[in-house]
Protein backbone atom coordinates (compact mmCIF):
# COMPACT_ATOMS: atom_id res chain seq x y z
CA UNK A 1 9.55 38.42 6.90
CA UNK A 2 6.23 37.92 5.36
CA UNK A 3 3.04 38.40 7.34
CA UNK A 4 1.35 35.03 8.52
CA UNK A 5 -2.48 35.79 9.56
CA UNK A 6 -3.12 33.75 12.48
CA UNK A 7 -6.73 33.06 11.77
CA UNK A 8 -5.80 31.90 8.42
CA UNK A 9 -3.06 29.80 9.86
CA UNK A 10 -5.22 28.42 12.38
CA UNK A 11 -8.15 27.47 9.91
CA UNK A 12 -5.59 25.89 7.57
CA UNK A 13 -4.50 23.66 10.39
CA UNK A 14 -7.70 22.88 11.24
CA UNK A 15 -8.42 21.87 7.75
CA UNK A 16 -5.28 19.55 7.52
CA UNK A 17 -6.13 17.99 10.71
CA UNK A 18 -9.77 17.26 9.61
CA UNK A 19 -8.18 15.81 6.37
CA UNK A 20 -6.02 13.43 8.51
CA UNK A 21 -8.31 12.22 10.70
CA UNK A 22 -10.84 11.59 7.97
CA UNK A 23 -8.29 9.66 6.15
CA UNK A 24 -7.20 7.70 9.49
CA UNK A 25 -10.99 6.52 9.81
CA UNK A 26 -11.45 5.72 5.81
CA UNK A 27 -7.91 3.84 6.02
CA UNK A 28 -9.32 1.83 8.99
CA UNK A 29 -12.66 1.23 6.97
CA UNK A 30 -10.78 -0.15 3.68
CA UNK A 31 -9.42 -3.03 6.17
CA UNK A 32 -12.81 -4.60 6.16
CA UNK A 33 -13.49 -5.14 2.32
CA UNK A 34 -9.68 -6.21 2.04
CA UNK A 35 -10.17 -8.83 4.50
CA UNK A 36 -13.31 -10.01 3.16
CA UNK A 37 -11.65 -10.13 -0.36
CA UNK A 38 -8.46 -11.83 1.18
CA UNK A 39 -11.07 -14.83 2.35
CA UNK A 40 -12.59 -15.10 -1.06
CA UNK A 41 -9.09 -14.78 -2.76
CA UNK A 42 -7.72 -18.14 -0.50
CA UNK A 43 -10.94 -20.11 -2.03
CA UNK A 44 -10.32 -18.91 -5.88
CA UNK A 45 -8.50 -20.80 -8.30
CA UNK A 46 -5.25 -18.87 -9.54
CA UNK A 47 -4.05 -21.34 -11.62
CA UNK A 48 -4.20 -19.31 -14.48
CA UNK A 49 -1.73 -16.69 -13.13
CA UNK A 50 0.80 -19.57 -12.41
CA UNK A 51 0.43 -20.96 -15.68
CA UNK A 52 0.66 -17.94 -17.63
CA UNK A 53 2.61 -15.68 -14.99
CA UNK A 54 3.25 -12.60 -17.61
CA UNK A 55 -0.09 -12.59 -18.66
CA UNK A 56 -1.66 -13.01 -15.24
CA UNK A 57 0.64 -10.01 -13.70
CA UNK A 58 -0.42 -7.76 -16.53
CA UNK A 59 -4.01 -8.60 -16.07
CA UNK A 60 -3.87 -7.91 -12.45
CA UNK A 61 -1.98 -4.45 -13.09
CA UNK A 62 -4.58 -3.68 -15.60
CA UNK A 63 -7.25 -4.45 -13.10
CA UNK A 64 -5.65 -2.57 -10.43
CA UNK A 65 -4.75 0.60 -12.71
CA UNK A 66 -8.43 0.97 -13.90
CA UNK A 67 -9.71 0.76 -10.30
CA UNK A 68 -7.28 3.63 -9.31
CA UNK A 69 -8.33 5.80 -12.38
CA UNK A 70 -12.10 4.97 -10.98
CA UNK A 71 -11.01 6.27 -7.22
CA UNK A 72 -9.07 9.24 -8.69
CA UNK A 73 -12.12 10.58 -11.32
CA UNK A 74 -14.76 10.13 -8.36
CA UNK A 75 -12.64 11.28 -5.60
CA UNK A 76 -14.82 14.41 -5.03
CA UNK A 77 -18.21 12.74 -4.56
CA UNK A 78 -19.52 9.88 -2.35
CA UNK A 79 -18.67 7.43 -5.37
CA UNK A 80 -15.15 7.94 -4.78
CA UNK A 81 -15.77 6.11 -1.30
CA UNK A 82 -17.49 3.56 -3.15
CA UNK A 83 -14.88 3.12 -5.69
CA UNK A 84 -12.12 3.10 -2.79
CA UNK A 85 -13.87 0.40 -0.88
CA UNK A 86 -14.26 -1.54 -4.32
CA UNK A 87 -10.56 -1.34 -4.88
CA UNK A 88 -9.59 -2.38 -1.54
CA UNK A 89 -11.91 -5.38 -1.89
CA UNK A 90 -10.41 -6.29 -5.15
CA UNK A 91 -7.03 -6.06 -3.64
CA UNK A 92 -8.14 -8.38 -0.99
CA UNK A 93 -8.90 -11.14 -3.52
CA UNK A 94 -5.55 -10.55 -5.21
CA UNK A 95 -3.85 -11.29 -2.06
CA UNK A 96 -5.06 -14.83 -2.73
CA UNK A 97 -1.99 -16.33 -4.42
CA UNK A 98 0.60 -15.29 -2.02
CA UNK A 99 -1.57 -16.27 0.87
CA UNK A 100 -2.29 -19.54 -0.71
CA UNK A 101 1.67 -20.25 -1.08
CA UNK A 102 2.08 -19.07 2.61
CA UNK A 103 -0.52 -21.01 3.95
CA UNK A 104 0.97 -24.47 2.38
CA UNK A 105 4.04 -23.87 5.01
CA UNK A 106 3.68 -25.58 8.28
CA UNK A 107 4.05 -21.87 9.87
CA UNK A 108 2.49 -20.04 7.21
CA UNK A 109 -0.34 -18.62 9.63
CA UNK A 110 2.55 -17.32 11.73
CA UNK A 111 4.25 -15.81 8.89
CA UNK A 112 1.03 -13.68 8.02
CA UNK A 113 0.28 -12.76 11.30
CA UNK A 114 4.13 -11.71 11.71
CA UNK A 115 3.93 -9.76 8.33
CA UNK A 116 0.75 -7.88 9.36
CA UNK A 117 2.11 -7.04 13.06
CA UNK A 118 5.06 -5.67 11.15
CA UNK A 119 3.64 -3.75 8.68
CA UNK A 120 1.24 -2.30 11.22
CA UNK A 121 4.23 -1.13 13.68
CA UNK A 122 6.10 0.32 10.54
CA UNK A 123 3.23 2.13 9.61
CA UNK A 124 2.28 3.40 13.01
CA UNK A 125 5.93 4.44 13.96
CA UNK A 126 6.47 6.21 10.98
CA UNK A 127 3.05 8.01 11.01
CA UNK A 128 3.78 8.87 14.66
CA UNK A 129 7.32 10.36 13.40
CA UNK A 130 5.63 12.52 10.62
CA UNK A 131 2.81 13.59 12.57
CA UNK A 132 4.93 14.65 15.84
CA UNK A 133 7.79 16.15 13.76
CA UNK A 134 5.46 17.87 11.53
CA UNK A 135 8.69 17.62 9.30
CA UNK A 136 8.35 18.14 5.48
CA UNK A 137 9.31 15.16 3.56
CA UNK A 138 8.11 16.35 0.23
CA UNK A 139 11.67 16.55 -1.17
CA UNK A 140 11.34 12.57 -1.30
CA UNK A 141 8.81 12.94 -3.92
CA UNK A 142 10.61 12.61 -6.92
CA UNK A 143 13.16 9.89 -5.75
CA UNK A 144 10.38 7.91 -4.27
CA UNK A 145 8.77 7.93 -7.72
CA UNK A 146 11.78 6.90 -9.74
CA UNK A 147 12.47 3.99 -7.09
CA UNK A 148 8.89 2.93 -7.95
CA UNK A 149 9.22 2.84 -11.59
CA UNK A 150 12.45 1.03 -11.07
CA UNK A 151 10.78 -1.22 -8.98
CA UNK A 152 7.92 -2.19 -11.56
CA UNK A 153 10.51 -2.55 -14.32
CA UNK A 154 12.54 -4.78 -12.43
CA UNK A 155 9.53 -6.75 -11.23
CA UNK A 156 8.32 -7.36 -14.73
CA UNK A 157 11.83 -8.30 -15.65
CA UNK A 158 11.81 -10.80 -13.20
CA UNK A 159 8.80 -12.54 -14.23
CA UNK A 160 10.75 -13.72 -17.20
CA UNK A 161 14.01 -14.32 -15.64
CA UNK A 162 12.85 -15.76 -12.46
CA UNK A 163 15.77 -15.09 -10.28
CA UNK A 164 15.03 -15.65 -6.38
CA UNK A 165 17.98 -13.48 -5.31
CA UNK A 166 16.79 -10.99 -7.48
CA UNK A 167 12.98 -11.21 -6.27
CA UNK A 168 14.37 -11.07 -2.52
CA UNK A 169 16.15 -7.75 -3.22
CA UNK A 170 13.20 -6.42 -4.83
CA UNK A 171 11.08 -7.19 -1.80
CA UNK A 172 13.60 -5.58 0.60
CA UNK A 173 13.96 -2.53 -1.41
CA UNK A 174 10.04 -2.30 -2.02
CA UNK A 175 9.88 -2.40 1.93
CA UNK A 176 11.97 0.59 2.16
CA UNK A 177 10.63 2.50 -0.75
CA UNK A 178 6.97 2.20 0.53
CA UNK A 179 7.80 2.78 4.29
CA UNK A 180 9.50 6.09 2.92
CA UNK A 181 6.15 6.63 1.20
CA UNK A 182 4.24 6.80 4.37
CA UNK A 183 6.27 9.52 5.49
CA UNK A 184 5.63 11.46 2.36
CA UNK A 185 2.35 10.83 2.20
CA UNK A 186 1.16 11.86 5.79
CA UNK A 187 3.75 14.92 5.38
CA UNK A 188 1.64 15.83 2.12
CA UNK A 189 -1.37 15.82 4.33
CA UNK A 190 -0.09 17.97 7.33
CA UNK A 191 1.42 20.50 5.02
CA UNK A 192 -1.81 20.80 2.67
CA UNK A 193 -0.08 19.00 -0.42
CA UNK A 194 -3.04 16.58 -0.25
CA UNK A 195 -6.38 17.89 1.03
CA UNK A 196 -8.66 15.08 -0.65
CA UNK A 197 -9.04 12.45 2.00
CA UNK A 198 -10.40 9.86 -0.45
CA UNK A 199 -6.78 10.44 -2.39
CA UNK A 200 -4.83 10.15 0.85
CA UNK A 201 -6.52 6.98 2.08
CA UNK A 202 -5.75 5.48 -1.32
CA UNK A 203 -2.01 6.48 -1.33
CA UNK A 204 -1.35 5.26 2.72
CA UNK A 205 -3.35 2.16 1.67
CA UNK A 206 -1.13 1.38 -1.05
CA UNK A 207 1.81 1.96 0.99
CA UNK A 208 0.79 -0.48 3.52
CA UNK A 209 -0.63 -3.03 0.97
CA UNK A 210 2.75 -3.10 -0.57
CA UNK A 211 4.81 -3.26 2.53
CA UNK A 212 2.75 -6.22 3.99
CA UNK A 213 3.13 -8.34 0.62
CA UNK A 214 6.81 -7.72 0.42
CA UNK A 215 7.59 -8.42 3.91
CA UNK A 216 5.41 -11.51 3.66
CA UNK A 217 7.79 -12.77 0.66
CA UNK A 218 10.85 -11.94 2.72
CA UNK A 219 9.60 -13.87 5.97
CA UNK A 220 8.51 -17.00 3.53
CA UNK A 221 12.15 -16.95 1.91
CA UNK A 222 13.75 -16.64 5.26
CA UNK A 223 11.49 -18.28 7.66
CA UNK A 224 9.14 -20.54 5.81
CA UNK A 225 9.08 -24.19 7.34
CA UNK A 226 8.27 -26.71 4.51
CA UNK A 227 7.08 -29.95 4.85
């Protein structure tokens, strides 16, 4: 049985707790530019994206990937925080189209609140499980990555086919995959797989963002009240 230095183990645990604490603080901070961006997105005319869904989706995807690359490149400096907050602001603006659609429903504001509340409940429940059990969920990494790739391919394909049933299936699977990613990402922090809180925050932010968007899509489809 290998010898474990209790001092080294204690230092490692302290560092991991620090990363987790900083991640949660930064995650809370990212909600501010997201909300500001969302309010701006509500007043933006996204007619181009409606008229050219393929080009709109590709432009949005390109912008998000460019900002993600910037965050990754600057993650070890204070500019990484600036880039992360900039990314979350733009992500908030890109919530504009789905929020505009939701608010055209009679109960749209209620559905947005339900999606936000449901997302928060999912996050806090799974974060508590991952933190309290300290179980290593790293084994899910490959399966989740493959799942995301298939989701992206299916989503791009459905831009051309526009099949409502497929869109709902994609949203339901996305909620499950990104919920599982919360367990995986927090487990990575707890077990030292992720030691940079900027990157850890970005990962969890993307989990929350995708759960919210897809949960709202499902709520609008099943509970939306049209005039």
